[in-house]
Protein backbone atom coordinates (compact mmCIF):
# COMPACT_ATOMS: atom_id res chain seq x y z
CA MET A 1 -0.01 0.00 0.04
CA GLY A 2 2.77 2.39 0.94
CA ALA A 3 4.63 1.58 -2.31
CA CYS A 4 1.50 2.42 -4.35
CA MET A 5 1.07 5.77 -2.55
CA ALA A 6 4.77 6.55 -3.18
CA LEU A 7 4.36 5.76 -6.86
CA CYS A 8 1.29 7.99 -7.05
CA SER A 9 3.22 10.78 -5.34
CA LEU A 10 6.13 10.42 -7.76
CA ALA A 11 3.70 10.46 -10.70
CA SER A 12 2.13 13.66 -9.37
CA CYS A 13 5.58 15.31 -8.97
CA ALA A 14 6.54 14.25 -12.52
CA SER A 15 3.41 15.82 -13.94
CA CYS A 16 4.18 19.02 -12.04
CA LEU A 17 7.75 19.06 -13.31
CA CYS A 18 6.44 19.03 -16.87
CA GLY A 19 3.64 21.46 -16.06
CA SER A 20 3.30 24.94 -14.70
CA ALA A 21 4.98 26.74 -11.82
CA PRO A 22 1.80 26.89 -9.71
CA CYS A 23 1.43 23.16 -9.90
CA LEU A 24 5.02 22.63 -8.86
CA LEU A 25 4.96 24.83 -5.77
CA CYS A 26 1.26 25.12 -4.87
CA GLY A 27 1.86 23.24 -1.64
CA CYS A 28 4.78 25.42 -0.62
CA CYS A 29 3.47 28.88 -1.39
CA PRO A 30 -0.27 28.55 -2.11
CA SER A 31 -0.93 32.30 -1.67
CA SER A 32 1.56 33.36 -4.34
CA TYR A 33 0.91 34.55 -7.81
CA ASN A 34 2.02 32.65 -10.89
CA SER A 35 4.57 35.34 -11.76
CA THR A 36 6.18 35.17 -8.30
CA VAL A 37 6.58 31.39 -8.30
CA THR A 38 8.09 31.39 -11.80
CA ARG A 39 10.72 33.94 -10.78
CA LEU A 40 11.55 31.95 -7.67
CA LEU A 41 12.11 28.78 -9.69
CA PHE A 42 14.42 30.51 -12.21
CA SER A 43 16.29 32.07 -9.30
CA PHE A 44 16.60 28.57 -7.84
CA PHE A 45 18.33 27.43 -11.03
CA LEU A 46 20.78 30.33 -10.62
CA LEU A 47 21.43 29.46 -6.97
CA LEU A 48 21.86 25.80 -7.84
CA GLY A 49 24.60 26.71 -10.35
CA THR A 50 26.18 29.00 -7.76
CA LEU A 51 26.26 26.14 -5.26
CA VAL A 52 27.94 23.85 -7.73
CA SER A 53 30.54 26.54 -8.42
CA VAL A 54 31.24 27.00 -4.72
CA ILE A 55 31.67 23.27 -4.21
CA MET A 56 34.08 22.91 -7.12
CA ILE A 57 36.21 25.84 -5.94
CA LEU A 58 36.62 24.50 -2.38
CA PRO A 59 40.24 23.83 -1.38
CA GLY A 60 41.33 20.23 -1.63
CA MET A 61 38.56 19.27 -4.03
CA GLU A 62 41.00 18.26 -6.80
CA THR A 63 42.91 16.11 -4.31
CA GLN A 64 39.77 14.32 -3.27
CA LEU A 65 38.71 13.72 -6.86
CA ARG A 66 42.10 12.23 -7.73
CA LYS A 67 41.51 9.65 -5.04
CA ILE A 68 38.53 8.27 -6.94
CA PRO A 69 39.82 5.18 -8.75
CA GLY A 70 39.74 5.47 -12.54
CA PHE A 71 38.43 9.06 -12.58
CA CYS A 72 41.10 11.79 -12.90
CA GLN A 73 44.02 11.80 -15.28
CA GLY A 74 47.13 11.19 -13.20
CA GLY A 75 45.10 10.00 -10.23
CA THR A 76 44.39 6.62 -8.71
CA THR A 77 43.98 4.01 -11.43
CA ILE A 78 42.10 0.77 -11.83
CA PRO A 79 43.87 -2.00 -13.74
CA GLY A 80 42.53 -2.09 -17.29
CA VAL A 81 40.66 1.25 -16.94
CA GLU A 82 42.05 4.44 -18.43
CA ASN A 83 41.42 7.72 -16.56
CA HIS A 84 39.80 10.14 -18.97
CA VAL A 85 38.72 13.12 -16.76
CA ASN A 86 40.93 16.24 -16.66
CA CYS A 87 40.37 17.28 -13.03
CA ASP A 88 42.28 20.56 -13.63
CA VAL A 89 39.26 21.74 -15.63
CA ILE A 90 36.39 20.60 -13.43
CA VAL A 91 37.74 22.20 -10.28
CA GLY A 92 39.08 25.64 -9.43
CA TYR A 93 38.46 28.86 -11.33
CA LYS A 94 38.10 26.96 -14.63
CA SER A 95 35.04 25.14 -13.32
CA VAL A 96 33.52 28.49 -12.18
CA TYR A 97 34.02 30.05 -15.57
CA ARG A 98 32.45 27.11 -17.33
CA MET A 99 29.56 26.73 -14.95
CA CYS A 100 28.72 30.40 -15.08
CA PHE A 101 29.13 30.36 -18.87
CA ALA A 102 26.50 27.65 -19.04
CA MET A 103 24.09 29.58 -16.83
CA ALA A 104 24.64 32.76 -18.87
CA CYS A 105 23.86 30.87 -22.11
CA PHE A 106 20.72 29.35 -20.50
CA PHE A 107 19.34 32.66 -19.41
CA PHE A 108 20.33 34.37 -22.68
CA LEU A 109 18.34 31.71 -24.52
CA PHE A 110 15.21 32.44 -22.55
CA SER A 111 15.78 36.17 -22.70
CA ALA A 112 15.73 35.98 -26.51
CA ILE A 113 12.68 33.70 -26.55
CA MET A 114 10.62 35.89 -24.24
CA ILE A 115 11.04 39.20 -26.08
CA ARG A 116 7.80 41.16 -26.23
CA VAL A 117 5.60 38.69 -24.31
CA LYS A 118 2.63 40.81 -23.24
CA SER A 119 0.42 38.40 -21.27
CA SER A 120 0.10 34.79 -20.17
CA LYS A 121 -2.16 34.19 -23.23
CA ASP A 122 0.95 34.35 -25.40
CA PRO A 123 2.03 30.75 -26.26
CA ARG A 124 5.56 31.55 -25.10
CA ALA A 125 4.20 32.28 -21.59
CA ALA A 126 3.58 28.54 -21.21
CA ILE A 127 7.27 27.97 -21.75
CA GLN A 128 8.13 30.64 -19.19
CA ASN A 129 5.81 29.25 -16.53
CA GLY A 130 6.13 25.55 -17.15
CA PHE A 131 8.17 22.58 -18.51
CA TRP A 132 10.61 22.82 -15.59
CA PHE A 133 11.99 19.31 -15.97
CA PHE A 134 12.95 20.02 -19.59
CA LYS A 135 14.45 23.37 -18.60
CA PHE A 136 16.60 21.57 -16.09
CA LEU A 137 17.74 19.10 -18.75
CA ILE A 138 18.66 22.00 -21.06
CA LEU A 139 20.76 23.62 -18.29
CA VAL A 140 22.50 20.32 -17.56
CA GLY A 141 23.20 19.76 -21.26
CA ILE A 142 24.73 23.21 -21.71
CA THR A 143 26.82 22.74 -18.57
CA VAL A 144 28.24 19.44 -19.80
CA GLY A 145 29.09 21.02 -23.15
CA ALA A 146 30.78 23.96 -21.47
CA PHE A 147 33.30 21.66 -19.82
CA PHE A 148 34.46 20.51 -23.21
CA ILE A 149 35.46 23.99 -24.34
CA PRO A 150 39.21 24.12 -25.03
CA ASP A 151 41.25 26.41 -22.80
CA GLY A 152 42.80 28.59 -25.49
CA THR A 153 41.60 32.18 -25.10
CA PHE A 154 38.25 31.19 -23.55
CA HIS A 155 39.14 32.35 -20.02
CA ASP A 156 40.62 35.67 -21.16
CA VAL A 157 37.66 36.52 -23.37
CA TRP A 158 35.08 35.41 -20.80
CA PHE A 159 36.88 37.46 -18.12
CA TYR A 160 36.07 40.66 -20.01
CA PHE A 161 32.49 39.53 -20.52
CA GLY A 162 32.36 39.05 -16.78
CA ILE A 163 33.77 42.55 -16.15
CA VAL A 164 31.09 44.20 -18.31
CA GLY A 165 28.23 42.07 -17.03
CA SER A 166 29.27 42.55 -13.36
CA PHE A 167 29.33 46.31 -13.87
CA MET A 168 25.74 46.24 -15.07
CA PHE A 169 24.65 43.86 -12.29
CA ILE A 170 26.14 46.12 -9.60
CA LEU A 171 23.82 48.85 -10.86
CA ILE A 172 20.84 46.46 -10.74
CA GLN A 173 21.78 45.51 -7.18
CA LEU A 174 21.74 49.17 -6.27
CA ILE A 175 18.32 49.66 -7.88
CA LEU A 176 16.99 46.67 -5.89
CA LEU A 177 18.43 48.06 -2.68
CA ILE A 178 16.80 51.45 -3.36
CA ASP A 179 13.49 49.72 -3.92
CA PHE A 180 13.90 47.62 -0.77
CA ALA A 181 14.63 50.72 1.28
CA HIS A 182 11.59 52.52 -0.13
CA SER A 183 9.37 49.50 0.57
CA TRP A 184 10.80 49.08 4.06
CA ASN A 185 10.16 52.72 4.92
CA GLU A 186 6.66 52.64 3.40
CA VAL A 187 5.58 49.53 5.30
CA TRP A 188 6.90 50.74 8.69
CA MET A 189 5.36 54.17 8.19
CA ARG A 190 2.01 52.55 7.42
CA ASN A 191 2.31 50.50 10.62
CA ALA A 192 3.14 53.68 12.55
CA GLU A 193 -0.01 55.34 11.28
CA GLU A 194 -2.12 52.37 12.39
CA GLY A 195 -0.85 52.36 15.94
CA ASN A 196 2.18 52.44 18.33
CA SER A 197 3.86 55.11 16.23
CA LYS A 198 6.67 55.73 18.76
CA CYS A 199 7.83 52.12 18.41
CA TRP A 200 7.93 52.14 14.62
CA PHE A 201 9.50 55.64 14.41
CA SER A 202 12.16 54.52 16.93
CA GLY A 203 12.90 51.44 14.85
CA LEU A 204 13.38 53.48 11.69
CA LEU A 205 15.59 55.96 13.49
CA PHE A 206 17.62 53.12 15.06
CA PHE A 207 18.35 51.42 11.76
CA THR A 208 19.15 54.75 10.10
CA ILE A 209 21.75 55.57 12.72
CA LEU A 210 23.09 51.99 12.66
CA HIS A 211 23.61 52.08 8.89
CA TYR A 212 25.43 55.42 9.03
CA ALA A 213 27.51 54.26 12.00
CA LEU A 214 28.61 51.13 10.05
CA ALA A 215 29.44 53.20 7.04
CA PHE A 216 31.49 55.66 9.17
CA ALA A 217 33.35 52.77 10.84
CA ALA A 218 34.11 51.35 7.39
CA ILE A 219 35.57 54.66 6.25
CA VAL A 220 37.82 54.81 9.31
CA LEU A 221 39.03 51.24 8.68
CA PHE A 222 39.62 52.06 5.00
CA TYR A 223 41.94 54.91 5.93
CA LEU A 224 43.75 52.73 8.46
CA TYR A 225 44.30 49.60 6.38
CA TYR A 226 44.14 50.72 2.70
CA THR A 227 46.08 54.00 2.82
CA LYS A 228 49.56 55.17 3.82
CA PRO A 229 50.62 58.68 4.82
CA ASP A 230 53.01 59.00 1.85
CA ASN A 231 51.33 56.71 -0.65
CA CYS A 232 48.01 55.19 -1.85
CA THR A 233 46.78 58.38 -3.46
CA GLU A 234 44.20 56.44 -5.50
CA HIS A 235 42.69 54.89 -2.38
CA LYS A 236 42.53 58.22 -0.60
CA PHE A 237 40.73 59.68 -3.55
CA PHE A 238 38.25 56.78 -3.80
CA ILE A 239 37.38 56.94 -0.12
CA SER A 240 37.13 60.71 0.18
CA PHE A 241 35.27 61.30 -3.06
CA ASN A 242 32.64 58.59 -2.34
CA LEU A 243 32.28 59.97 1.23
CA ILE A 244 31.51 63.45 -0.19
CA LEU A 245 28.97 62.02 -2.66
CA CYS A 246 27.23 60.09 0.13
CA VAL A 247 26.99 63.23 2.28
CA ILE A 248 25.49 65.11 -0.71
CA ILE A 249 22.75 62.56 -1.43
CA SER A 250 21.93 62.27 2.29
CA VAL A 251 21.42 66.04 2.50
CA LEU A 252 19.40 66.14 -0.71
CA SER A 253 17.08 63.36 0.47
CA ILE A 254 15.71 65.50 3.32
CA LEU A 255 15.44 68.85 1.53
CA PRO A 256 11.86 70.22 1.79
CA LYS A 257 11.34 70.40 -1.98
CA VAL A 258 12.53 66.85 -2.46
CA GLN A 259 10.32 65.69 0.41
CA ASP A 260 7.29 67.35 -1.18
CA ALA A 261 7.94 65.95 -4.65
CA SER A 262 9.07 62.47 -3.41
CA PRO A 263 7.40 61.71 -0.06
CA GLN A 264 9.02 58.27 0.20
CA SER A 265 12.54 59.71 0.28
CA GLY A 266 14.46 59.94 3.58
CA LEU A 267 17.63 59.17 5.44
CA LEU A 268 16.81 55.47 5.84
CA GLN A 269 17.22 54.96 2.12
CA SER A 270 20.31 57.14 1.96
CA SER A 271 21.94 55.22 4.80
CA ILE A 272 21.50 51.94 2.97
CA ILE A 273 22.88 53.40 -0.24
CA THR A 274 25.84 54.83 1.70
CA MET A 275 26.60 51.41 3.17
CA TYR A 276 26.45 49.76 -0.26
CA THR A 277 28.72 52.46 -1.74
CA MET A 278 31.27 51.77 1.03
CA TYR A 279 31.15 48.07 0.23
CA VAL A 280 31.80 48.64 -3.50
CA THR A 281 34.67 50.98 -2.56
CA TRP A 282 36.15 48.30 -0.29
CA SER A 283 35.74 45.70 -3.00
CA ALA A 284 37.53 47.92 -5.49
CA MET A 285 40.49 48.59 -3.22
CA THR A 286 41.05 44.90 -2.50
CA ASN A 287 41.54 44.35 -6.28
CA ASN A 288 44.22 47.03 -6.69
CA PRO A 289 47.29 45.27 -8.20
CA SER A 290 49.71 47.94 -7.06
CA LYS A 291 52.59 46.53 -5.04
CA SER A 292 52.12 49.21 -2.42
CA HIS A 293 48.54 47.99 -1.74
CA ALA A 294 48.39 44.24 -2.41
CA LYS A 295 50.24 41.33 -3.86
CA LYS A 296 50.05 41.34 -7.68
CA THR A 297 49.85 37.58 -8.07
CA GLN A 298 48.48 35.04 -5.71
CA LYS A 299 49.67 31.48 -6.03
CA ILE A 300 47.14 30.15 -3.56
CA PHE A 301 43.73 31.30 -4.70
CA THR A 302 40.78 31.59 -2.39
CA TRP A 303 37.50 33.51 -2.62
CA TRP A 304 36.16 33.30 0.89
CA ASP A 305 37.73 36.44 2.27
CA ALA A 306 35.49 38.93 4.02
CA GLN A 307 34.82 40.97 0.85
CA GLY A 308 33.82 37.90 -1.15
CA ILE A 309 31.50 36.62 1.56
CA VAL A 310 29.75 40.02 1.93
CA GLY A 311 29.36 40.18 -1.87
CA LEU A 312 27.84 36.70 -1.95
CA VAL A 313 25.36 37.60 0.81
CA ILE A 314 24.28 40.78 -1.01
CA PHE A 315 23.92 38.75 -4.21
CA LEU A 316 21.71 36.15 -2.55
CA PHE A 317 19.53 38.80 -0.96
CA CYS A 318 19.07 40.81 -4.20
CA THR A 319 18.34 37.59 -6.17
CA PHE A 320 15.60 36.56 -3.75
CA TYR A 321 14.21 40.07 -3.47
CA ALA A 322 14.04 40.43 -7.27
CA SER A 323 11.83 37.32 -7.36
CA ILE A 324 9.21 38.57 -4.87
CA ARG A 325 9.45 42.35 -5.13
CA SER A 326 6.36 44.54 -5.58
CA SER A 327 7.18 48.22 -5.62
CA SER A 328 5.13 51.36 -5.74
CA ASN A 329 8.13 53.50 -6.67
CA ALA A 330 7.58 54.75 -10.26
CA GLN A 331 11.29 55.40 -11.01
CA VAL A 332 12.42 51.98 -9.77
CA ASN A 333 9.65 50.19 -11.63
CA ARG A 334 10.67 51.98 -14.81
CA LEU A 335 14.28 50.94 -14.41
CA MET A 336 13.40 47.29 -13.53
CA GLN A 337 10.67 46.94 -16.19
CA THR A 338 7.96 45.91 -13.73
CA GLU A 339 4.38 46.96 -13.04
CA GLU A 340 3.44 48.95 -9.97
CA GLY A 341 2.27 47.10 -6.87
CA LYS A 342 1.68 43.64 -8.43
CA GLY A 343 2.87 40.24 -7.47
CA THR A 344 3.26 40.14 -3.73
CA VAL A 345 -0.15 39.84 -2.10
CA GLY A 346 -1.44 36.66 -3.72
CA GLY A 347 -4.81 35.06 -4.01
CA GLU A 348 -5.60 31.41 -4.05
CA GLU A 349 -8.21 29.15 -5.56
CA VAL A 350 -9.42 25.78 -4.32
CA GLY A 351 -10.20 23.32 -7.07
CA LYS A 352 -12.76 20.57 -7.13
CA ASP A 353 -10.13 18.10 -6.03
CA GLY A 354 -9.54 20.17 -2.88
CA LEU A 355 -6.06 21.28 -3.95
CA ARG A 356 -5.10 24.93 -3.66
CA ARG A 357 -4.20 26.55 -6.95
CA VAL A 358 -2.04 29.63 -7.48
CA VAL A 359 -3.74 32.50 -9.29
CA ASP A 360 -2.60 33.44 -12.81
CA ASN A 361 -2.28 37.24 -12.47
CA GLU A 362 -0.96 37.85 -15.97
CA GLU A 363 -3.91 37.14 -18.20
CA ASP A 364 -4.43 40.84 -18.91
CA GLY A 365 -0.75 41.74 -18.86
CA VAL A 366 2.57 40.57 -17.49
CA THR A 367 3.67 41.98 -14.14
CA TYR A 368 7.30 41.98 -15.14
CA ASN A 369 9.32 41.96 -18.34
CA TYR A 370 10.12 38.31 -19.02
CA SER A 371 13.06 39.06 -21.28
CA PHE A 372 14.59 41.64 -18.93
CA PHE A 373 14.23 39.31 -15.97
CA HIS A 374 16.30 36.62 -17.76
CA PHE A 375 18.79 39.28 -18.82
CA HIS A 376 19.07 40.25 -15.16
CA LEU A 377 19.83 36.59 -14.21
CA LEU A 378 22.37 36.42 -17.07
CA LEU A 379 24.21 39.41 -15.51
CA ALA A 380 23.89 37.77 -12.12
CA SER A 381 25.67 34.71 -13.51
CA LEU A 382 28.57 36.83 -14.65
CA TYR A 383 28.67 38.69 -11.34
CA ILE A 384 28.84 35.50 -9.30
CA MET A 385 31.60 34.28 -11.60
CA MET A 386 33.67 37.37 -10.86
CA THR A 387 32.84 37.26 -7.17
CA LEU A 388 33.88 33.61 -6.70
CA THR A 389 37.14 34.29 -8.56
CA ASN A 390 37.72 37.50 -6.61
CA TRP A 391 37.72 39.52 -9.86
CA TYR A 392 41.14 38.15 -10.63
CA LYS A 393 42.20 37.52 -14.22
CA PRO A 394 43.11 33.89 -14.80
CA ASP A 395 46.52 33.08 -16.23
CA THR A 396 46.37 29.64 -17.77
CA THR A 397 50.13 29.45 -18.31
CA THR A 398 51.07 29.85 -14.65
CA GLN A 399 47.87 28.58 -13.01
CA ALA A 400 47.79 31.86 -11.03
CA MET A 401 45.23 34.57 -10.60
CA GLN A 402 46.18 38.17 -11.26
CA SER A 403 44.57 41.40 -10.02
CA THR A 404 43.86 43.96 -12.74
CA MET A 405 43.18 47.69 -12.78
CA PRO A 406 40.15 47.30 -15.06
CA ALA A 407 38.37 45.46 -12.26
CA VAL A 408 39.19 48.34 -9.89
CA TRP A 409 37.88 51.04 -12.16
CA VAL A 410 34.79 49.04 -13.09
CA LYS A 411 33.78 48.81 -9.41
CA ILE A 412 34.56 52.45 -8.62
CA SER A 413 32.79 53.80 -11.68
CA SER A 414 29.76 51.59 -10.92
CA SER A 415 29.62 53.10 -7.43
CA TRP A 416 29.53 56.61 -8.93
CA LEU A 417 26.89 55.64 -11.44
CA SER A 418 24.88 53.92 -8.69
CA LEU A 419 24.88 57.12 -6.62
CA GLY A 420 23.79 58.97 -9.79
CA LEU A 421 20.84 56.58 -10.18
CA TYR A 422 19.78 57.14 -6.64
CA LEU A 423 20.09 60.89 -7.13
CA TRP A 424 17.85 60.55 -10.17
CA THR A 425 15.15 58.83 -8.12
CA LEU A 426 15.20 61.86 -5.79
CA VAL A 427 15.16 64.68 -8.30
CA ALA A 428 13.21 63.13 -11.18
CA PRO A 429 9.80 64.06 -9.68
CA LEU A 430 11.18 67.53 -8.93
CA LEU A 431 12.31 68.01 -12.50
CA LYS A 432 9.05 66.62 -13.86
CA LEU A 433 10.85 63.76 -15.59
CA VAL A 434 8.12 61.32 -14.56
CA HIS A 435 4.58 61.05 -15.79
CA PRO A 436 2.20 63.37 -13.90
CA ALA A 437 0.16 60.38 -12.73
CA ASP A 438 3.29 59.04 -10.90
CA LYS A 439 3.89 62.29 -9.04
CA PRO A 440 2.03 62.91 -5.80
CA ASN A 441 -0.40 65.83 -5.73
CA PRO A 442 1.11 68.77 -3.90
CA THR A 443 -0.67 70.00 -0.86
CA HIS A 444 -0.33 73.53 0.50
CA PRO A 445 0.68 73.83 4.14
CA SER A 446 -2.33 74.07 6.44
CA PRO A 447 -2.56 75.96 9.70
CA VAL A 448 -2.24 72.67 11.55
CA GLN A 449 1.01 71.91 9.76
CA LEU A 450 2.38 75.37 10.41
CA ALA A 451 1.56 74.87 14.05
CA THR A 452 3.34 71.54 14.26
CA PRO A 453 6.36 71.66 16.56
CA HIS A 454 9.66 71.81 14.67
CA SER A 455 11.16 68.86 16.53
CA THR A 456 8.25 66.59 15.58
CA MET A 457 8.50 67.50 11.93
CA ARG A 458 12.22 66.96 11.98
CA SER A 459 11.91 63.39 13.44
CA HIS A 460 9.51 62.42 10.68
CA THR A 461 11.77 63.83 8.00
CA LEU A 462 14.59 61.65 9.25
CA THR A 463 12.54 58.57 8.58
CA GLY A 464 11.31 59.69 5.20
CA VAL A 465 7.79 60.85 6.09
CA SER A 466 6.41 63.64 3.91
CA ARG A 467 5.09 66.76 5.55
CA THR A 468 1.87 66.24 3.67
CA ALA A 469 1.36 62.80 5.21
CA MET A 470 2.09 64.24 8.70
CA ASN A 471 -0.41 66.97 8.08
CA ASN A 472 -3.12 64.48 7.15
CA ARG A 473 -2.58 62.45 10.30
CA LEU A 474 -2.84 65.53 12.51
CA CYS A 475 -6.02 66.65 10.77
CA CYS A 476 -7.57 63.26 11.39
CA ASN A 477 -6.71 63.41 15.04
CA ILE A 478 -8.29 66.91 15.40
CA ASN A 479 -11.47 65.76 13.67
CA HIS A 480 -11.76 62.84 15.99
């Protein structure tokens, strides 16, 4: 009886693997939309490839593989069996390059297929939201083929692809962090309006101060460990210039005109962007090949230094958030090619068989750009490749990894462009660069607002609350 039930369960799983995303995960996240589950599954493919890359780059992996009888060339042999596997290729940075190349090709394929899909009624939407077993087979097939690519110039060429793709992904990470900060501020402010406002305001203030304190501590450590009194001019410039830019955007975020035009802006968002800028600056300085800063060539290559681990954590967070995000920020939605406020609060249906079904929320129109989402995962594949190899350029002749100045300038320039993007989200409504429907209606100060104590108004501005919203709450209290 138990065997029969197991067979039935396996048959059900097999049908789901060949079917749609809602069928596959209806038991795990029954209140999710079809679009959310699909993005989670594609992100799972990316994370699976990342896990394989991490395993193959672990120290001692090649030694362990050589112990398998009849497997690696030059390893333990079995009489009468010839070892065919080149273990130099399937471990170390070479395996990371090939694994990430396979993932990039996989997502590029789907990005090309899904161009201009407008709704789930498009036949291609069925490919996007279903046939997961066959997608997995395609990924495995591309991965196996990637390991047969001759060394030649492959690593050098793919290194520069990784540099360009990682530059673009850093910008996307920044956009996602901006969106997360706006959503975080919006949710906590809504909770403060519903009750226990002191608690929620205190929480926002605490995290704002914490983020700025961490950023300030990072700056002090940068000057201590990455500069010298008579040297390291580049590092001094990177640290000082980015510090000045972060101060500028923090001040701009709380200007009265910016607050009126963009009520969701505030110091909480600026503090998160400041922390991220400090991380990118740190990452750039660790890749400086100058002898006065770091060793030019490392014979023993590892990726799990502090900078690499922090980068991996940020990558995992942004990948997961990109799969479930639902933003009301017009500028961010325009940059990420998504619709406003769709995809998070799901509905569910119960079929005649008693099973819960996930709602298809894309019959009238897609909630995100299918092609751009896959392009984003393609860039993520290149970014994780560069992160796991510490942004070092492989040298196939010496089996060493070399730091390069292009990696340094790519990271630093991406931090400047990221700050520019955040600045654009602040001033775009002010300059009327957005559609009038996206811009909040201005409200003239009322007598109640003018009578509001200065200290109270100041505390709300720190957490990103508009003066208009504060005015509305006070008017409601007076009416009651």
